[in-house]
Amino acid sequence: METILLIFVIISLLAFIIVIINNKFQLTIIKIDKAEEDIDIYLEKKKELLTRTVPIVKKELKIKEFLGELDKYNNDLNNFEKHNLLKSNYNELFKTLDENEKLLKSDSLVKILEELNDNEENIVGAIKYYNDSVVEFNQLVVSFPCNLIALVRRYKKLEFYNNEKREIFEILNQK
């Protein structure tokens, strides 16, 4: 009788631990999904704001083509690719503004730039939240006993945004 009770207690304890670990994974996955949704919303807003700058810049500088890569933006791209594409267009816009300060006399462009800056802060915050959640998930995937649940559930380590490190590396390589 005592043996059966002991086995029951051990099985119950193991089941309880498995449920707790599974809940940790599920909570982290929910946080990652929420962060991805936020990033997607902010990237769509960034694309819309950058698109609104195009006719203003074209008109002021009397050019035919500006931020042509925006046409490559579509829903087939993942958030990493969207972010990189929009980041290069964002940098191109500010490079153009640095070279042509007369553009800053346009009130509508200045208003869009303020919205872009606010949106950029939101993107940075959402990416930080995403990265923090991915680090938490990846720690669960590799640590014992959570890695046993990860193995059964076929969870793999996730990639995180590290564009800042990549940009610093590219800047150092250019020197």
C-alpha atoms as a PDB file:
ATOM      1  CA  MET A   1       0.000   0.000   0.000  1.00  0.00           C
ATOM      2  CA  GLU A   2       2.806   2.371   0.884  1.00  0.00           C
ATOM      3  CA  THR A   3       4.560   1.577  -2.394  1.00  0.00           C
ATOM      4  CA  ILE A   4       1.445   2.375  -4.407  1.00  0.00           C
ATOM      5  CA  LEU A   5       1.015   5.624  -2.494  1.00  0.00           C
ATOM      6  CA  LEU A   6       4.672   6.530  -3.073  1.00  0.00           C
ATOM      7  CA  ILE A   7       4.372   5.794  -6.804  1.00  0.00           C
ATOM      8  CA  PHE A   8       1.194   7.876  -6.961  1.00  0.00           C
ATOM      9  CA  VAL A   9       2.930  10.805  -5.204  1.00  0.00           C
ATOM     10  CA  ILE A  10       5.944  10.601  -7.536  1.00  0.00           C
ATOM     11  CA  ILE A  11       3.757  10.437 -10.652  1.00  0.00           C
ATOM     12  CA  SER A  12       1.656  13.349  -9.384  1.00  0.00           C
ATOM     13  CA  LEU A  13       4.766  15.385  -8.653  1.00  0.00           C
ATOM     14  CA  LEU A  14       6.192  14.662 -12.121  1.00  0.00           C
ATOM     15  CA  ALA A  15       2.878  15.572 -13.757  1.00  0.00           C
ATOM     16  CA  PHE A  16       2.792  18.809 -11.748  1.00  0.00           C
ATOM     17  CA  ILE A  17       6.348  19.699 -12.822  1.00  0.00           C
ATOM     18  CA  ILE A  18       5.530  18.926 -16.468  1.00  0.00           C
ATOM     19  CA  VAL A  19       2.446  21.158 -16.322  1.00  0.00           C
ATOM     20  CA  ILE A  20       4.431  24.017 -14.768  1.00  0.00           C
ATOM     21  CA  ILE A  21       7.201  23.759 -17.373  1.00  0.00           C
ATOM     22  CA  ASN A  22       4.691  23.518 -20.221  1.00  0.00           C
ATOM     23  CA  ASN A  23       2.918  26.617 -18.878  1.00  0.00           C
ATOM     24  CA  LYS A  24       6.236  28.498 -18.829  1.00  0.00           C
ATOM     25  CA  PHE A  25       6.740  27.628 -22.489  1.00  0.00           C
ATOM     26  CA  GLN A  26       3.178  28.620 -23.386  1.00  0.00           C
ATOM     27  CA  LEU A  27       3.439  31.947 -21.559  1.00  0.00           C
ATOM     28  CA  THR A  28       6.715  32.745 -23.298  1.00  0.00           C
ATOM     29  CA  ILE A  29       5.265  31.794 -26.693  1.00  0.00           C
ATOM     30  CA  ILE A  30       2.302  34.103 -26.055  1.00  0.00           C
ATOM     31  CA  LYS A  31       4.699  36.945 -25.206  1.00  0.00           C
ATOM     32  CA  ILE A  32       6.707  36.299 -28.389  1.00  0.00           C
ATOM     33  CA  ASP A  33       3.549  36.221 -30.528  1.00  0.00           C
ATOM     34  CA  LYS A  34       2.344  39.508 -28.981  1.00  0.00           C
ATOM     35  CA  ALA A  35       5.707  41.133 -29.625  1.00  0.00           C
ATOM     36  CA  GLU A  36       5.668  39.919 -33.248  1.00  0.00           C
ATOM     37  CA  GLU A  37       2.179  41.362 -33.731  1.00  0.00           C
ATOM     38  CA  ASP A  38       3.306  44.699 -32.292  1.00  0.00           C
ATOM     39  CA  ILE A  39       6.407  44.738 -34.477  1.00  0.00           C
ATOM     40  CA  ASP A  40       4.289  43.952 -37.528  1.00  0.00           C
ATOM     41  CA  ILE A  41       1.902  46.823 -36.741  1.00  0.00           C
ATOM     42  CA  TYR A  42       4.778  49.275 -36.230  1.00  0.00           C
ATOM     43  CA  LEU A  43       6.512  48.130 -39.426  1.00  0.00           C
ATOM     44  CA  GLU A  44       3.289  48.640 -41.409  1.00  0.00           C
ATOM     45  CA  LYS A  45       3.019  52.149 -39.927  1.00  0.00           C
ATOM     46  CA  LYS A  46       6.661  52.841 -40.789  1.00  0.00           C
ATOM     47  CA  LYS A  47       6.087  51.726 -44.377  1.00  0.00           C
ATOM     48  CA  GLU A  48       3.020  53.963 -44.632  1.00  0.00           C
ATOM     49  CA  LEU A  49       4.938  56.950 -43.232  1.00  0.00           C
ATOM     50  CA  LEU A  50       7.909  56.381 -45.538  1.00  0.00           C
ATOM     51  CA  THR A  51       5.540  56.071 -48.493  1.00  0.00           C
ATOM     52  CA  ARG A  52       3.988  59.421 -47.545  1.00  0.00           C
ATOM     53  CA  THR A  53       7.425  61.083 -47.707  1.00  0.00           C
ATOM     54  CA  VAL A  54       8.085  59.943 -51.285  1.00  0.00           C
ATOM     55  CA  PRO A  55       5.856  62.429 -53.187  1.00  0.00           C
ATOM     56  CA  ILE A  56       6.996  65.322 -51.003  1.00  0.00           C
ATOM     57  CA  VAL A  57      10.684  64.605 -51.565  1.00  0.00           C
ATOM     58  CA  LYS A  58      10.158  63.953 -55.289  1.00  0.00           C
ATOM     59  CA  LYS A  59       8.313  67.251 -55.681  1.00  0.00           C
ATOM     60  CA  GLU A  60      10.786  69.339 -53.648  1.00  0.00           C
ATOM     61  CA  LEU A  61      13.908  67.860 -55.266  1.00  0.00           C
ATOM     62  CA  LYS A  62      12.319  67.438 -58.707  1.00  0.00           C
ATOM     63  CA  ILE A  63      13.427  63.824 -59.002  1.00  0.00           C
ATOM     64  CA  LYS A  64      11.620  60.875 -60.535  1.00  0.00           C
ATOM     65  CA  GLU A  65      12.709  58.065 -58.221  1.00  0.00           C
ATOM     66  CA  PHE A  66      12.981  57.977 -54.444  1.00  0.00           C
ATOM     67  CA  LEU A  67      12.859  55.035 -51.995  1.00  0.00           C
ATOM     68  CA  GLY A  68      12.238  52.617 -54.833  1.00  0.00           C
ATOM     69  CA  GLU A  69      12.920  49.618 -52.595  1.00  0.00           C
ATOM     70  CA  LEU A  70       9.633  50.237 -50.779  1.00  0.00           C
ATOM     71  CA  ASP A  71       7.956  48.417 -53.666  1.00  0.00           C
ATOM     72  CA  LYS A  72       9.692  45.206 -52.518  1.00  0.00           C
ATOM     73  CA  TYR A  73       7.817  45.353 -49.205  1.00  0.00           C
ATOM     74  CA  ASN A  74       5.048  42.742 -49.083  1.00  0.00           C
ATOM     75  CA  ASN A  75       3.442  40.207 -46.794  1.00  0.00           C
ATOM     76  CA  ASP A  76       5.675  37.412 -48.108  1.00  0.00           C
ATOM     77  CA  LEU A  77       8.574  38.899 -46.149  1.00  0.00           C
ATOM     78  CA  ASN A  78       9.033  37.982 -42.506  1.00  0.00           C
ATOM     79  CA  ASN A  79       9.411  40.711 -39.880  1.00  0.00           C
ATOM     80  CA  PHE A  80      13.209  40.460 -39.957  1.00  0.00           C
ATOM     81  CA  GLU A  81      13.253  41.107 -43.718  1.00  0.00           C
ATOM     82  CA  LYS A  82      10.624  43.853 -43.472  1.00  0.00           C
ATOM     83  CA  HIS A  83      12.594  45.533 -40.716  1.00  0.00           C
ATOM     84  CA  ASN A  84      15.842  45.439 -42.703  1.00  0.00           C
ATOM     85  CA  LEU A  85      14.165  46.760 -45.856  1.00  0.00           C
ATOM     86  CA  LEU A  86      12.444  49.608 -44.027  1.00  0.00           C
ATOM     87  CA  LYS A  87      15.594  50.409 -42.046  1.00  0.00           C
ATOM     88  CA  SER A  88      17.583  50.897 -45.269  1.00  0.00           C
ATOM     89  CA  ASN A  89      14.822  53.129 -46.693  1.00  0.00           C
ATOM     90  CA  TYR A  90      14.652  55.057 -43.409  1.00  0.00           C
ATOM     91  CA  ASN A  91      18.422  55.608 -43.534  1.00  0.00           C
ATOM     92  CA  GLU A  92      18.191  56.681 -47.185  1.00  0.00           C
ATOM     93  CA  LEU A  93      15.508  59.226 -46.273  1.00  0.00           C
ATOM     94  CA  PHE A  94      17.644  60.752 -43.546  1.00  0.00           C
ATOM     95  CA  LYS A  95      20.715  60.768 -45.769  1.00  0.00           C
ATOM     96  CA  THR A  96      18.669  62.693 -48.351  1.00  0.00           C
ATOM     97  CA  LEU A  97      17.476  65.095 -45.638  1.00  0.00           C
ATOM     98  CA  ASP A  98      21.061  65.702 -44.516  1.00  0.00           C
ATOM     99  CA  GLU A  99      22.102  66.471 -48.085  1.00  0.00           C
ATOM    100  CA  ASN A 100      19.055  68.690 -48.775  1.00  0.00           C
ATOM    101  CA  GLU A 101      18.172  70.738 -45.718  1.00  0.00           C
ATOM    102  CA  LYS A 102      15.596  72.697 -47.708  1.00  0.00           C
ATOM    103  CA  LEU A 103      13.319  69.657 -47.345  1.00  0.00           C
ATOM    104  CA  LEU A 104      12.945  70.470 -43.652  1.00  0.00           C
ATOM    105  CA  LYS A 105      11.027  73.627 -44.587  1.00  0.00           C
ATOM    106  CA  SER A 106       8.076  71.480 -45.595  1.00  0.00           C
ATOM    107  CA  ASP A 107       5.673  71.365 -42.639  1.00  0.00           C
ATOM    108  CA  SER A 108       4.009  68.193 -43.870  1.00  0.00           C
ATOM    109  CA  LEU A 109       7.363  66.417 -44.163  1.00  0.00           C
ATOM    110  CA  VAL A 110       8.433  67.584 -40.697  1.00  0.00           C
ATOM    111  CA  LYS A 111       5.172  66.238 -39.258  1.00  0.00           C
ATOM    112  CA  ILE A 112       5.743  62.871 -40.950  1.00  0.00           C
ATOM    113  CA  LEU A 113       9.321  62.812 -39.621  1.00  0.00           C
ATOM    114  CA  GLU A 114       8.048  63.368 -36.081  1.00  0.00           C
ATOM    115  CA  GLU A 115       5.633  60.470 -36.518  1.00  0.00           C
ATOM    116  CA  LEU A 116       8.484  58.363 -37.931  1.00  0.00           C
ATOM    117  CA  ASN A 117      10.634  59.110 -34.887  1.00  0.00           C
ATOM    118  CA  ASP A 118       7.802  58.163 -32.512  1.00  0.00           C
ATOM    119  CA  ASN A 119       7.181  55.003 -34.512  1.00  0.00           C
ATOM    120  CA  GLU A 120      10.888  54.153 -34.444  1.00  0.00           C
ATOM    121  CA  GLU A 121      10.846  54.362 -30.640  1.00  0.00           C
ATOM    122  CA  ASN A 122       7.872  51.992 -30.603  1.00  0.00           C
ATOM    123  CA  ILE A 123       9.706  49.564 -32.895  1.00  0.00           C
ATOM    124  CA  VAL A 124      12.792  49.626 -30.679  1.00  0.00           C
ATOM    125  CA  GLY A 125      10.634  48.918 -27.604  1.00  0.00           C
ATOM    126  CA  ALA A 126       8.747  46.091 -29.313  1.00  0.00           C
ATOM    127  CA  ILE A 127      12.007  44.550 -30.548  1.00  0.00           C
ATOM    128  CA  LYS A 128      13.498  44.728 -27.057  1.00  0.00           C
ATOM    129  CA  TYR A 129      10.411  42.996 -25.640  1.00  0.00           C
ATOM    130  CA  TYR A 130      10.617  40.373 -28.411  1.00  0.00           C
ATOM    131  CA  ASN A 131      14.337  39.787 -27.800  1.00  0.00           C
ATOM    132  CA  ASP A 132      13.824  39.494 -24.032  1.00  0.00           C
ATOM    133  CA  SER A 133      11.040  36.958 -24.593  1.00  0.00           C
ATOM    134  CA  VAL A 134      13.139  34.969 -27.072  1.00  0.00           C
ATOM    135  CA  VAL A 135      16.061  34.887 -24.649  1.00  0.00           C
ATOM    136  CA  GLU A 136      13.684  33.548 -21.982  1.00  0.00           C
ATOM    137  CA  PHE A 137      12.332  30.927 -24.422  1.00  0.00           C
ATOM    138  CA  ASN A 138      15.815  29.882 -25.550  1.00  0.00           C
ATOM    139  CA  GLN A 139      16.904  29.491 -21.926  1.00  0.00           C
ATOM    140  CA  LEU A 140      13.967  27.163 -21.363  1.00  0.00           C
ATOM    141  CA  VAL A 141      14.869  25.153 -24.471  1.00  0.00           C
ATOM    142  CA  VAL A 142      18.416  24.463 -23.285  1.00  0.00           C
ATOM    143  CA  SER A 143      18.018  24.115 -19.516  1.00  0.00           C
ATOM    144  CA  PHE A 144      17.204  20.906 -17.665  1.00  0.00           C
ATOM    145  CA  PRO A 145      14.437  19.699 -17.109  1.00  0.00           C
ATOM    146  CA  CYS A 146      12.734  22.117 -19.502  1.00  0.00           C
ATOM    147  CA  ASN A 147      14.816  20.806 -22.400  1.00  0.00           C
ATOM    148  CA  LEU A 148      13.071  17.441 -22.031  1.00  0.00           C
ATOM    149  CA  ILE A 149       9.693  19.104 -22.611  1.00  0.00           C
ATOM    150  CA  ALA A 150      11.242  21.109 -25.472  1.00  0.00           C
ATOM    151  CA  LEU A 151      12.473  17.884 -27.020  1.00  0.00           C
ATOM    152  CA  VAL A 152       9.053  16.235 -26.784  1.00  0.00           C
ATOM    153  CA  ARG A 153       7.268  19.370 -28.065  1.00  0.00           C
ATOM    154  CA  ARG A 154       9.971  19.878 -30.748  1.00  0.00           C
ATOM    155  CA  TYR A 155      10.755  23.423 -29.653  1.00  0.00           C
ATOM    156  CA  LYS A 156      13.922  24.870 -31.170  1.00  0.00           C
ATOM    157  CA  LYS A 157      15.898  27.940 -30.212  1.00  0.00           C
ATOM    158  CA  LEU A 158      14.513  31.064 -31.868  1.00  0.00           C
ATOM    159  CA  GLU A 159      16.356  33.812 -33.671  1.00  0.00           C
ATOM    160  CA  PHE A 160      16.246  37.297 -32.243  1.00  0.00           C
ATOM    161  CA  TYR A 161      16.733  40.773 -33.644  1.00  0.00           C
ATOM    162  CA  ASN A 162      20.361  41.765 -33.466  1.00  0.00           C
ATOM    163  CA  ASN A 163      20.493  44.460 -36.102  1.00  0.00           C
ATOM    164  CA  GLU A 164      22.336  46.856 -33.814  1.00  0.00           C
ATOM    165  CA  LYS A 165      25.225  44.422 -33.453  1.00  0.00           C
ATOM    166  CA  ARG A 166      25.171  43.740 -37.197  1.00  0.00           C
ATOM    167  CA  GLU A 167      25.216  47.484 -37.988  1.00  0.00           C
ATOM    168  CA  ILE A 168      28.147  48.088 -35.635  1.00  0.00           C
ATOM    169  CA  PHE A 169      29.997  45.188 -37.287  1.00  0.00           C
ATOM    170  CA  GLU A 170      29.331  46.662 -40.761  1.00  0.00           C
ATOM    171  CA  ILE A 171      30.494  50.118 -39.640  1.00  0.00           C
ATOM    172  CA  LEU A 172      33.709  48.656 -38.218  1.00  0.00           C
ATOM    173  CA  ASN A 173      34.315  46.710 -41.446  1.00  0.00           C
ATOM    174  CA  GLN A 174      33.971  49.886 -43.519  1.00  0.00           C
ATOM    175  CA  LYS A 175      36.824  51.588 -41.609  1.00  0.00           C
END
